[in-house]
Amino acid sequence: MKQKERKKEKEKKNKLNVVIYDEEYVIKGSADQEHIKKVAAFVDKRMEQISNTNSFLSTKQLAVLVALNVADEMLRLREDYDELIKILNGMHKSNKK
């Protein structure tokens, strides 16, 4: 596949209807539809989990709480990843000696 064809393939936007917390959304993105479905299902599950223990929250408050939890998890994973890269780079340098 030529470089221009790959670039066009990446630029192609997928459009998909998903339901998150009983609300329908139209999602457009360059990710494949299966990935978009997986992300939507993940968010829906998190909203359901948190709403089960915090039934007094509005949908907006629930969405913000889910966003904060997911952002916290992502930042912690990024820190773990960065630490692992440092360890691997140290091991690689040690093996060169």
Foldseek 3Di string as FASTA:
>chain_A
DDPVVVVVLQVDKDWDWDAACNDIDIDIDSDDPVVVRVVRVVRNVQLVVVCVVVVVDDPVRSSVVSVVVVVVVVVVVVVVVVVVVVVVVVVVVVVVD
